[in-house]
Amino acid sequence: MTDQPVDVLIIGAGASGAAMAWSLADTRMRIVCLEQGEMMNPANYPSTGRDWEARSQSDFAISPNQRQLPGDYPIVEDDSPIKVANFNGVGGGTVLYAGHFPRFHPSDFRVKSLDGVADDWPLDYNDLAPHYAENDRMMGVAGLNGDPAYPSDNAQRMPPLPLGKSGDILAKGFNKLNWHWWPSDTAIATQAYDGRDKCINLGACLGGCAQGAKASTDITYWPHAMRAGVELRTRCRVREITVNDEGMATGVIFYDEDGFEQFLGAHVVVMACNGVGTPRILLNSKSAAHPDGLANSSGLVGKNLMFHPYASIMGVFDEPLDGYRGPHKIFRSQEFYETDKARDFVRGYTFEIHRGQGPVSTAMTGLMRGKIPWGAGHHDAFRKLFNRIAGMVAICEDLPEEHNTVTLDPMQTDSDGIPAPRISYTLSDNSRKMMDHAIDKGSEVLRAAGAHDIFTQAPISYGGWHLMGTARMGTDPARSVVNPWGRSHDVKNLFVIDGSIFVTSAGVNPTRTIQALALYIADQMKQRLANLFD
């Protein structure tokens, strides 16, 4: 089967692909999105049953290597202390994220100028500000205006999530130390919003929100985009992008849900497959004109992988807290966000304060930490931990380094025979020092809040949620893959809009910025339609 060429072909239906599809729909162009996973059914989410913790280790695991659903592909990651956490399906990573939804700081776009490391972005906070606002309206953001860590944005926010017992006690710890904290911006509805109902504290946010309160793009952008005429095809795995003798992308070769090879022609091709999936396809799109992969004249496709190393700091309290009931994240602290020359590292991190664990996770934590014995005393020890653990993670800014890479594995393939991506990643000295600092300061907060036992882990091994930098944007074709509005320097009708194009990672979750960038690039495309390929 061969379709007529479409105007715009988007590969990937996650955070960025959904935003661009919706934005371009008003152009009346024929837009098709190919997604290798399936459309989600909230009735099947783990939070609808009592086995939700067990399913977080099987069909709703954050690791595709553990999940192994038909839409997943294997990732070779034995050469990395941090393992990839993603989701392949309509909504992408927003299906399994916690909904923590910060913006970048203005300083995050100017780290070279301010701190002498990495590179400055070719755009700034003000360029993205209207697109942040547009995305906020589409996703729905709960929070509290006025955070002194950010410039005023006058955003229309729903009321913030309640702090609950866990938030109250941890906020007291920050107050004792006179450190910054603020209710988190979250993509979780605290009141009815755009046809979605408010959060009812199911507590299993990381396994998909059966209530529909968490703003995954399958229930925010995609219904609007499809009503506007965008065609979404699921279970279509792209193998490679094809090009003609003039060096223009002509479409993609993909495998349909029955495993048959298909071709779909397109006038514009948009990559929206995350910082691992996008370089995988580009590197696999080899030809005589592009022997090292497509859009790779700089040699930087797949290089400069950034993860965000996470440090976990959890404490045990005497009094009962919320446990797992309620949204995962409560508030944030950016006390240690900007560079401080008194410290032995550059840049900084955000503390994301969150609630405790479910019963199974509590038991596993207690067993691994030697706090819960087998046999006599087992149940009493469990009761001393259950609903009494709370704490935080520190999301540490990861600086780009060319030796951190995504390449194609020479042996491993997916079920369609496409080479699997191989991750090679090393923690920098700067990241290690940052995590050590976060553990020290996080432990100080927990002790000030009254915790008597503190458990730490750094890095979180299965914490590669944020996949960035592997097709970076810039003005110099020798030092970047795409230009300042997401267009490939090498292939004039090829665009990249996901976290691959990040120049630096900042010290916050990237989803809100990924979507703002996708809307920004879509807006640039619409403004330049008449001379898009010049």
Protein backbone atom coordinates (compact mmCIF):
# COMPACT_ATOMS: atom_id res chain seq x y z
CA MET A 1 0.00 0.00 0.00
CA THR A 2 1.35 3.45 -0.94
CA ASP A 3 -0.52 6.61 0.06
CA GLN A 4 -0.37 9.91 -1.77
CA PRO A 5 2.27 12.19 -0.21
CA VAL A 6 1.03 14.09 2.81
CA ASP A 7 1.91 17.69 3.52
CA VAL A 8 3.40 17.10 6.97
CA LEU A 9 4.39 13.76 8.45
CA ILE A 10 5.07 13.74 12.19
CA ILE A 11 6.86 10.74 13.68
CA GLY A 12 5.85 10.28 17.32
CA ALA A 13 2.62 11.14 19.15
CA GLY A 14 4.05 12.21 22.51
CA ALA A 15 4.49 15.61 24.12
CA SER A 16 6.01 17.43 21.15
CA GLY A 17 4.32 15.59 18.28
CA ALA A 18 0.87 16.20 19.72
CA ALA A 19 1.53 19.91 20.27
CA MET A 20 2.81 20.43 16.72
CA ALA A 21 -0.03 18.41 15.16
CA TRP A 22 -2.59 20.59 16.94
CA SER A 23 -0.81 23.83 16.07
CA LEU A 24 -0.42 23.04 12.37
CA ALA A 25 -4.01 21.80 12.02
CA ASP A 26 -5.30 25.32 11.36
CA THR A 27 -3.23 25.52 8.16
CA ARG A 28 -5.59 23.02 6.46
CA MET A 29 -2.60 20.99 5.33
CA ARG A 30 -2.87 17.22 5.31
CA ILE A 31 -1.08 16.14 8.48
CA VAL A 32 -0.42 12.53 9.44
CA CYS A 33 1.25 11.31 12.61
CA LEU A 34 2.78 7.82 12.86
CA GLU A 35 3.07 6.33 16.36
CA GLN A 36 4.67 2.95 17.04
CA GLY A 37 2.60 2.35 20.18
CA GLU A 38 -1.16 2.28 20.76
CA MET A 39 -3.91 4.65 21.83
CA MET A 40 -4.29 4.38 25.57
CA ASN A 41 -7.43 3.13 27.33
CA PRO A 42 -7.59 4.66 30.83
CA ALA A 43 -9.80 1.78 31.98
CA ASN A 44 -6.73 -0.43 31.69
CA TYR A 45 -4.41 1.74 33.79
CA PRO A 46 -2.95 0.14 36.93
CA SER A 47 -4.71 2.63 39.21
CA THR A 48 -8.01 0.91 38.41
CA GLY A 49 -6.93 -2.22 40.32
CA ARG A 50 -5.24 -3.34 43.50
CA ASP A 51 -2.25 -4.74 41.63
CA TRP A 52 -1.03 -1.30 40.55
CA GLU A 53 2.38 -1.69 42.18
CA ALA A 54 2.96 -5.09 40.61
CA ARG A 55 2.07 -3.72 37.18
CA SER A 56 4.66 -0.98 37.60
CA GLN A 57 7.16 -3.80 37.20
CA SER A 58 5.49 -5.40 34.17
CA ASP A 59 3.23 -3.92 31.48
CA PHE A 60 3.48 -0.40 32.95
CA ALA A 61 7.14 -0.46 33.93
CA ILE A 62 9.02 2.73 33.11
CA SER A 63 11.77 0.72 31.41
CA PRO A 64 10.96 -0.47 27.87
CA ASN A 65 13.38 -3.36 28.40
CA GLN A 66 11.23 -4.53 31.29
CA ARG A 67 7.86 -3.64 29.77
CA GLN A 68 8.43 -5.27 26.35
CA LEU A 69 5.09 -4.28 24.86
CA PRO A 70 4.58 -4.55 21.06
CA GLY A 71 5.27 -0.83 20.65
CA ASP A 72 8.54 -0.97 22.58
CA TYR A 73 12.03 -1.50 21.25
CA PRO A 74 15.05 -2.78 23.21
CA ILE A 75 17.68 -0.33 24.43
CA VAL A 76 21.24 -1.55 25.02
CA GLU A 77 22.30 0.32 28.14
CA ASP A 78 24.90 -1.79 29.95
CA ASP A 79 27.39 1.07 29.42
CA SER A 80 25.40 3.58 31.46
CA PRO A 81 24.71 3.92 35.21
CA ILE A 82 21.37 5.54 34.32
CA LYS A 83 18.81 3.48 32.41
CA VAL A 84 16.25 4.85 29.97
CA ALA A 85 12.71 5.38 31.25
CA ASN A 86 10.15 6.13 28.54
CA PHE A 87 6.80 5.08 27.15
CA ASN A 88 5.84 4.22 23.57
CA GLY A 89 2.21 5.01 22.84
CA VAL A 90 -0.06 7.95 22.10
CA GLY A 91 0.89 10.47 24.77
CA GLY A 92 4.44 9.17 25.02
CA GLY A 93 6.20 9.93 28.28
CA THR A 94 3.29 12.08 29.49
CA VAL A 95 1.34 8.86 30.14
CA LEU A 96 3.77 7.80 32.88
CA TYR A 97 5.17 11.11 34.12
CA ALA A 98 4.31 12.59 37.50
CA GLY A 99 2.89 15.79 36.02
CA HIS A 100 5.58 17.97 37.61
CA PHE A 101 5.56 20.89 35.17
CA PRO A 102 8.17 23.63 35.67
CA ARG A 103 9.40 26.12 33.12
CA PHE A 104 13.06 26.77 32.38
CA HIS A 105 14.61 29.82 34.03
CA PRO A 106 15.85 32.69 31.82
CA SER A 107 19.40 31.83 32.92
CA ASP A 108 19.04 28.29 31.52
CA PHE A 109 19.34 29.64 27.98
CA ARG A 110 22.60 31.51 28.72
CA VAL A 111 24.88 29.14 30.63
CA LYS A 112 27.93 29.90 28.47
CA SER A 113 27.58 33.64 28.97
CA LEU A 114 26.80 33.35 32.68
CA ASP A 115 28.93 30.42 33.79
CA GLY A 116 31.40 29.69 31.01
CA VAL A 117 30.18 26.14 30.37
CA ALA A 118 28.38 24.36 27.51
CA ASP A 119 26.74 26.74 24.98
CA ASP A 120 24.08 29.41 24.92
CA TRP A 121 20.81 28.59 23.20
CA PRO A 122 20.07 30.46 19.95
CA LEU A 123 16.81 31.67 21.52
CA ASP A 124 15.81 32.81 25.00
CA TYR A 125 13.04 32.68 27.58
CA ASN A 126 11.17 35.60 26.02
CA ASP A 127 11.01 33.81 22.67
CA LEU A 128 9.26 30.88 24.34
CA ALA A 129 7.12 32.82 26.83
CA PRO A 130 3.99 33.09 24.61
CA HIS A 131 4.31 29.42 23.69
CA TYR A 132 4.66 28.41 27.32
CA ALA A 133 1.39 30.27 27.91
CA GLU A 134 -0.31 28.61 24.92
CA ASN A 135 0.80 25.18 26.09
CA ASP A 136 -0.39 25.91 29.63
CA ARG A 137 -3.87 26.60 28.29
CA MET A 138 -3.92 23.34 26.36
CA MET A 139 -2.52 21.15 29.13
CA GLY A 140 -4.04 22.88 32.16
CA VAL A 141 -1.65 23.86 34.94
CA ALA A 142 -2.27 23.96 38.68
CA GLY A 143 -0.01 26.09 40.82
CA LEU A 144 0.43 29.39 42.59
CA ASN A 145 1.52 32.62 40.92
CA GLY A 146 4.36 34.67 42.35
CA ASP A 147 7.25 32.22 42.80
CA PRO A 148 10.26 34.53 43.40
CA ALA A 149 12.54 32.02 41.63
CA TYR A 150 10.85 32.92 38.30
CA PRO A 151 9.95 36.06 36.38
CA SER A 152 6.28 36.99 36.64
CA ASP A 153 4.28 35.18 33.97
CA ASN A 154 0.69 36.06 34.90
CA ALA A 155 -0.29 32.52 33.93
CA GLN A 156 -3.84 31.32 34.43
CA ARG A 157 -3.36 28.53 36.95
CA MET A 158 -5.83 26.30 38.67
CA PRO A 159 -5.51 26.20 42.47
CA PRO A 160 -2.37 24.35 43.58
CA LEU A 161 -2.42 20.77 44.77
CA PRO A 162 -2.91 20.53 48.54
CA LEU A 163 0.29 19.98 50.50
CA GLY A 164 -1.22 17.28 52.68
CA LYS A 165 0.48 15.89 55.76
CA SER A 166 3.70 15.07 53.92
CA GLY A 167 3.94 18.53 52.40
CA ASP A 168 3.18 20.27 55.67
CA ILE A 169 5.90 18.51 57.61
CA LEU A 170 8.54 18.90 54.89
CA ALA A 171 7.69 22.57 54.37
CA LYS A 172 8.37 23.11 58.07
CA GLY A 173 11.85 21.73 57.54
CA PHE A 174 12.52 24.22 54.74
CA ASN A 175 11.09 27.03 56.85
CA LYS A 176 13.41 26.20 59.75
CA LEU A 177 16.37 26.58 57.41
CA ASN A 178 14.86 29.64 55.71
CA TRP A 179 15.20 27.99 52.31
CA HIS A 180 13.04 28.64 49.27
CA TRP A 181 10.06 26.41 48.55
CA TRP A 182 6.93 26.90 46.46
CA PRO A 183 3.89 24.82 45.46
CA SER A 184 4.83 23.02 42.26
CA ASP A 185 3.34 23.85 38.91
CA THR A 186 1.70 20.57 37.94
CA ALA A 187 -0.14 19.39 34.85
CA ILE A 188 -2.83 17.92 37.10
CA ALA A 189 -6.32 19.39 37.20
CA THR A 190 -7.47 20.51 40.63
CA GLN A 191 -10.85 21.46 39.16
CA ALA A 192 -12.77 20.43 36.06
CA TYR A 193 -10.80 21.54 33.00
CA ASP A 194 -11.44 21.16 29.25
CA GLY A 195 -13.66 18.12 29.69
CA ARG A 196 -11.39 16.47 32.27
CA ASP A 197 -12.35 15.97 35.89
CA LYS A 198 -10.26 16.97 38.88
CA CYS A 199 -7.77 14.82 40.75
CA ILE A 200 -9.27 12.41 43.29
CA ASN A 201 -5.98 11.30 44.87
CA LEU A 202 -5.72 7.83 43.35
CA GLY A 203 -2.01 8.08 44.06
CA ALA A 204 -0.69 5.94 41.20
CA CYS A 205 0.15 8.86 38.89
CA LEU A 206 3.19 7.14 37.41
CA GLY A 207 1.07 4.34 35.96
CA GLY A 208 -1.30 6.53 33.95
CA CYS A 209 -4.18 8.58 35.35
CA ALA A 210 -7.46 6.65 35.12
CA GLN A 211 -9.31 9.74 36.35
CA GLY A 212 -8.03 11.86 33.46
CA ALA A 213 -6.87 14.62 35.77
CA LYS A 214 -3.22 14.32 34.70
CA ALA A 215 -2.58 16.09 31.42
CA SER A 216 -1.19 13.42 29.13
CA THR A 217 -1.34 14.52 25.51
CA ASP A 218 -3.63 11.67 24.46
CA ILE A 219 -6.43 13.44 26.37
CA THR A 220 -5.34 17.09 25.92
CA TYR A 221 -3.89 17.89 22.50
CA TRP A 222 -4.89 14.84 20.50
CA PRO A 223 -8.70 15.10 20.73
CA HIS A 224 -8.49 18.70 19.52
CA ALA A 225 -5.98 17.87 16.77
CA MET A 226 -8.00 14.96 15.42
CA ARG A 227 -11.24 16.95 15.43
CA ALA A 228 -9.36 19.53 13.37
CA GLY A 229 -8.49 16.90 10.77
CA VAL A 230 -5.10 15.49 11.81
CA GLU A 231 -4.78 11.77 11.05
CA LEU A 232 -3.19 9.65 13.78
CA ARG A 233 -2.02 6.14 12.87
CA THR A 234 -0.91 3.81 15.65
CA ARG A 235 1.31 0.71 15.64
CA CYS A 236 3.39 2.12 12.78
CA ARG A 237 7.13 1.79 13.44
CA VAL A 238 9.35 3.99 11.25
CA ARG A 239 12.57 2.40 10.03
CA GLU A 240 14.11 5.24 8.04
CA ILE A 241 13.55 8.55 6.28
CA THR A 242 14.06 8.53 2.53
CA VAL A 243 15.66 11.33 0.48
CA ASN A 244 15.85 12.19 -3.22
CA ASP A 245 18.75 13.27 -5.42
CA GLU A 246 18.13 16.90 -4.51
CA GLY A 247 18.75 16.12 -0.84
CA MET A 248 15.14 16.57 0.27
CA ALA A 249 13.25 14.16 2.49
CA THR A 250 10.59 12.31 0.50
CA GLY A 251 8.88 10.28 3.22
CA VAL A 252 9.44 7.28 5.46
CA ILE A 253 9.61 3.52 5.30
CA PHE A 254 7.69 1.98 8.20
CA TYR A 255 6.21 -1.30 9.39
CA ASP A 256 2.48 -1.47 9.97
CA GLU A 257 0.77 -3.35 12.79
CA ASP A 258 0.95 -6.60 10.80
CA GLY A 259 4.68 -6.23 10.23
CA PHE A 260 4.39 -5.32 6.55
CA GLU A 261 6.77 -2.78 5.10
CA GLN A 262 5.07 0.40 3.88
CA PHE A 263 6.10 3.74 2.40
CA LEU A 264 4.44 7.07 3.12
CA GLY A 265 5.52 10.09 1.11
CA ALA A 266 5.63 13.56 2.65
CA HIS A 267 6.58 17.11 1.73
CA VAL A 268 7.74 17.82 5.30
CA VAL A 269 9.00 15.28 7.85
CA VAL A 270 9.03 16.07 11.58
CA MET A 271 10.91 14.00 14.16
CA ALA A 272 9.24 13.83 17.59
CA CYS A 273 10.59 10.55 18.99
CA ASN A 274 12.58 11.74 22.06
CA GLY A 275 16.32 12.01 22.57
CA VAL A 276 16.89 8.30 21.94
CA GLY A 277 14.28 7.46 19.31
CA THR A 278 15.06 10.45 17.08
CA PRO A 279 18.82 9.83 16.68
CA ARG A 280 18.06 6.13 16.24
CA ILE A 281 15.97 6.81 13.12
CA LEU A 282 18.31 9.51 11.79
CA LEU A 283 21.37 7.27 12.17
CA ASN A 284 19.51 4.41 10.52
CA SER A 285 18.56 6.62 7.54
CA LYS A 286 21.80 6.03 5.66
CA SER A 287 22.32 6.52 1.95
CA ALA A 288 25.14 7.25 -0.47
CA ALA A 289 24.64 10.96 0.17
CA HIS A 290 24.35 10.45 3.93
CA PRO A 291 26.68 7.55 4.85
CA ASP A 292 26.77 8.56 8.53
CA GLY A 293 23.04 8.97 8.86
CA LEU A 294 20.62 11.73 7.93
CA ALA A 295 21.16 15.34 9.08
CA ASN A 296 24.56 14.34 10.43
CA SER A 297 27.13 16.41 8.54
CA SER A 298 28.20 17.82 11.92
CA GLY A 299 28.73 14.31 13.31
CA LEU A 300 26.64 15.32 16.33
CA VAL A 301 23.52 13.21 15.81
CA GLY A 302 23.36 10.97 18.88
CA LYS A 303 26.06 12.89 20.78
CA ASN A 304 25.73 15.14 23.86
CA LEU A 305 23.11 12.89 25.48
CA MET A 306 21.82 14.44 28.70
CA PHE A 307 19.73 12.53 31.25
CA HIS A 308 19.34 14.62 34.45
CA PRO A 309 21.05 12.59 37.18
CA TYR A 310 18.63 12.19 40.09
CA ALA A 311 19.48 11.89 43.77
CA SER A 312 16.82 10.48 46.10
CA ILE A 313 16.67 11.53 49.77
CA MET A 314 13.89 9.95 51.84
CA GLY A 315 13.23 10.12 55.57
CA VAL A 316 11.20 8.13 58.10
CA PHE A 317 8.93 10.06 60.47
CA ASP A 318 7.26 9.09 63.73
CA GLU A 319 3.82 10.41 62.84
CA PRO A 320 1.59 8.96 60.10
CA LEU A 321 1.71 10.89 56.81
CA ASP A 322 -0.17 10.57 53.51
CA GLY A 323 1.72 7.59 52.20
CA TYR A 324 1.17 7.25 48.46
CA ARG A 325 -2.29 8.84 48.46
CA GLY A 326 -2.36 11.96 46.31
CA PRO A 327 -0.31 13.27 43.38
CA HIS A 328 3.29 12.16 43.51
CA LYS A 329 4.88 15.64 43.61
CA ILE A 330 3.90 18.29 46.17
CA PHE A 331 6.20 21.32 46.01
CA ARG A 332 9.62 22.35 44.77
CA SER A 333 12.66 24.14 46.13
CA GLN A 334 15.16 25.97 43.95
CA GLU A 335 17.34 27.19 46.79
CA PHE A 336 20.36 25.68 45.04
CA TYR A 337 19.38 26.25 41.41
CA GLU A 338 21.76 28.93 40.14
CA THR A 339 25.56 28.70 40.10
CA ASP A 340 27.22 29.61 43.41
CA LYS A 341 30.98 30.15 43.22
CA ALA A 342 31.29 29.00 46.84
CA ARG A 343 30.36 25.49 45.72
CA ASP A 344 32.65 23.06 43.92
CA PHE A 345 30.33 22.59 40.92
CA VAL A 346 28.62 24.82 38.36
CA ARG A 347 24.91 25.19 37.74
CA GLY A 348 22.46 23.58 40.18
CA TYR A 349 19.38 21.51 40.90
CA THR A 350 15.76 21.50 41.96
CA PHE A 351 14.39 19.62 44.95
CA GLU A 352 11.10 17.97 43.99
CA ILE A 353 9.27 17.10 47.21
CA HIS A 354 7.01 14.10 47.03
CA ARG A 355 4.83 11.80 49.07
CA GLY A 356 5.63 8.33 50.29
CA GLN A 357 5.40 4.84 48.88
CA GLY A 358 2.75 2.20 48.40
CA PRO A 359 2.72 -0.89 50.62
CA VAL A 360 4.80 -3.07 48.29
CA SER A 361 7.42 -0.38 47.71
CA THR A 362 7.57 0.29 51.44
CA ALA A 363 8.18 -3.38 52.13
CA MET A 364 10.87 -3.63 49.45
CA THR A 365 12.60 -0.49 50.74
CA GLY A 366 12.54 -1.82 54.30
CA LEU A 367 13.93 -5.19 53.27
CA MET A 368 16.73 -3.69 51.16
CA ARG A 369 17.66 -1.20 53.90
CA GLY A 370 17.64 -3.80 56.65
CA LYS A 371 14.74 -2.14 58.42
CA ILE A 372 12.23 -4.98 58.00
CA PRO A 373 13.29 -8.49 59.09
CA TRP A 374 11.86 -11.80 57.96
CA GLY A 375 10.07 -13.78 60.62
CA ALA A 376 9.35 -12.36 64.07
CA GLY A 377 8.86 -8.61 64.07
CA HIS A 378 8.23 -8.39 60.33
CA HIS A 379 4.76 -6.85 60.53
CA ASP A 380 5.63 -4.47 63.38
CA ALA A 381 8.64 -3.19 61.46
CA PHE A 382 6.53 -2.72 58.34
CA ARG A 383 3.98 -0.66 60.28
CA LYS A 384 6.77 1.65 61.48
CA LEU A 385 7.61 2.47 57.86
CA PHE A 386 4.28 2.39 56.03
CA ASN A 387 2.75 5.88 55.63
CA ARG A 388 5.75 7.32 57.49
CA ILE A 389 8.18 7.86 54.61
CA ALA A 390 8.44 11.13 52.66
CA GLY A 391 11.21 13.11 51.08
CA MET A 392 12.49 14.46 47.81
CA VAL A 393 14.53 13.94 44.71
CA ALA A 394 17.10 16.37 43.40
CA ILE A 395 16.97 16.79 39.64
CA CYS A 396 20.51 17.84 38.73
CA GLU A 397 21.45 19.78 35.63
CA ASP A 398 23.36 17.55 33.23
CA LEU A 399 25.92 19.36 31.08
CA PRO A 400 26.37 18.22 27.46
CA GLU A 401 29.41 16.06 26.74
CA GLU A 402 30.05 14.60 23.29
CA HIS A 403 31.19 11.24 24.65
CA ASN A 404 27.69 10.58 26.02
CA THR A 405 26.04 9.02 23.02
CA VAL A 406 23.19 7.16 21.35
CA THR A 407 24.46 4.88 18.58
CA LEU A 408 23.11 1.88 16.71
CA ASP A 409 23.92 -1.48 18.23
CA PRO A 410 25.54 -3.83 15.68
CA MET A 411 23.77 -6.91 17.02
CA GLN A 412 20.52 -6.14 18.85
CA THR A 413 17.36 -5.31 16.88
CA ASP A 414 13.68 -4.81 17.58
CA SER A 415 10.95 -7.20 16.42
CA ASP A 416 11.00 -5.61 12.95
CA GLY A 417 14.75 -6.00 12.52
CA ILE A 418 15.57 -2.29 13.07
CA PRO A 419 18.87 -1.80 14.96
CA ALA A 420 18.40 -1.07 18.65
CA PRO A 421 19.88 2.08 20.15
CA ARG A 422 22.95 1.69 22.35
CA ILE A 423 23.52 4.13 25.22
CA SER A 424 27.02 5.07 26.33
CA TYR A 425 26.93 7.51 29.23
CA THR A 426 29.30 8.53 32.01
CA LEU A 427 28.49 10.69 35.01
CA SER A 428 30.67 13.81 35.07
CA ASP A 429 32.58 14.97 38.13
CA ASN A 430 30.33 18.02 38.15
CA SER A 431 27.22 15.83 38.35
CA ARG A 432 28.68 13.69 41.13
CA LYS A 433 29.55 16.75 43.19
CA MET A 434 26.09 18.18 42.59
CA MET A 435 24.40 14.97 43.74
CA ASP A 436 26.61 14.82 46.85
CA HIS A 437 25.62 18.38 47.68
CA ALA A 438 21.94 17.58 47.14
CA ILE A 439 22.12 14.56 49.44
CA ASP A 440 23.80 16.65 52.14
CA LYS A 441 21.27 19.50 51.91
CA GLY A 442 18.28 17.21 51.47
CA SER A 443 19.28 15.26 54.56
CA GLU A 444 19.57 18.54 56.44
CA VAL A 445 16.01 19.46 55.49
CA LEU A 446 14.67 16.06 56.52
CA ARG A 447 16.40 16.24 59.89
CA ALA A 448 15.01 19.75 60.40
CA ALA A 449 11.54 18.36 59.57
CA GLY A 450 11.91 15.59 62.15
CA ALA A 451 13.02 12.54 60.15
CA HIS A 452 15.01 10.00 62.16
CA ASP A 453 16.17 7.60 59.43
CA ILE A 454 17.36 8.85 56.04
CA PHE A 455 17.73 6.71 52.91
CA THR A 456 19.63 8.02 49.90
CA GLN A 457 20.43 6.87 46.39
CA ALA A 458 22.46 8.66 43.71
CA PRO A 459 22.03 8.36 40.88
CA ILE A 460 18.61 6.74 40.63
CA SER A 461 19.51 3.93 38.29
CA TYR A 462 16.17 3.71 36.46
CA GLY A 463 15.91 7.49 36.32
CA GLY A 464 16.58 8.28 32.66
CA TRP A 465 13.20 9.93 32.18
CA HIS A 466 14.58 12.96 30.38
CA LEU A 467 16.30 12.31 27.05
CA MET A 468 17.93 15.43 25.65
CA GLY A 469 20.66 16.92 23.48
CA THR A 470 21.24 14.34 20.75
CA ALA A 471 20.25 16.60 17.83
CA ARG A 472 21.04 20.00 19.29
CA MET A 473 19.95 23.32 17.83
CA GLY A 474 22.29 26.15 16.90
CA THR A 475 23.32 28.64 14.25
CA ASP A 476 26.55 26.92 13.20
CA PRO A 477 25.96 23.82 11.02
CA ALA A 478 29.33 22.46 12.14
CA ARG A 479 28.29 22.55 15.82
CA SER A 480 24.58 21.71 15.68
CA VAL A 481 22.05 19.50 13.90
CA VAL A 482 19.09 21.87 13.49
CA ASN A 483 18.79 25.63 13.18
CA PRO A 484 17.12 27.94 15.75
CA TRP A 485 13.65 26.97 14.51
CA GLY A 486 14.17 23.22 14.43
CA ARG A 487 14.99 22.73 10.74
CA SER A 488 17.83 20.41 9.81
CA HIS A 489 20.87 22.25 8.48
CA ASP A 490 21.35 19.46 5.93
CA VAL A 491 17.80 18.57 4.84
CA LYS A 492 15.59 21.61 4.36
CA ASN A 493 12.26 19.84 4.83
CA LEU A 494 13.26 17.83 7.90
CA PHE A 495 12.50 19.14 11.38
CA VAL A 496 13.24 17.94 14.92
CA ILE A 497 11.02 19.13 17.77
CA ASP A 498 11.62 16.85 20.78
CA GLY A 499 14.17 16.96 23.61
CA SER A 500 16.91 16.04 21.15
CA ILE A 501 17.25 19.71 20.20
CA PHE A 502 18.06 20.90 23.73
CA VAL A 503 21.39 22.72 23.98
CA THR A 504 21.52 22.35 27.76
CA SER A 505 19.27 20.48 30.16
CA ALA A 506 18.56 23.01 32.95
CA GLY A 507 17.74 21.65 36.41
CA VAL A 508 14.03 21.05 35.86
CA ASN A 509 11.78 18.56 34.09
CA PRO A 510 11.82 19.32 30.34
CA THR A 511 8.26 18.49 29.22
CA ARG A 512 6.83 21.99 29.45
CA THR A 513 9.79 23.38 27.50
CA ILE A 514 9.69 20.58 24.92
CA GLN A 515 6.08 21.47 24.20
CA ALA A 516 6.74 25.21 24.13
CA LEU A 517 9.55 24.58 21.62
CA ALA A 518 7.25 22.43 19.46
CA LEU A 519 4.68 25.24 19.40
CA TYR A 520 7.40 27.80 18.68
CA ILE A 521 8.72 25.74 15.75
CA ALA A 522 5.19 25.17 14.44
CA ASP A 523 4.62 28.92 14.56
CA GLN A 524 7.88 29.54 12.69
CA MET A 525 6.84 27.00 10.04
CA LYS A 526 3.48 28.68 9.55
CA GLN A 527 5.13 32.09 9.20
CA ARG A 528 7.55 30.72 6.58
CA LEU A 529 5.21 28.46 4.59
CA ALA A 530 5.76 30.41 1.38
CA ASN A 531 9.54 29.86 1.46
CA LEU A 532 9.83 26.86 3.78
CA PHE A 533 12.38 25.05 1.66
CA ASP A 534 14.57 28.02 0.62
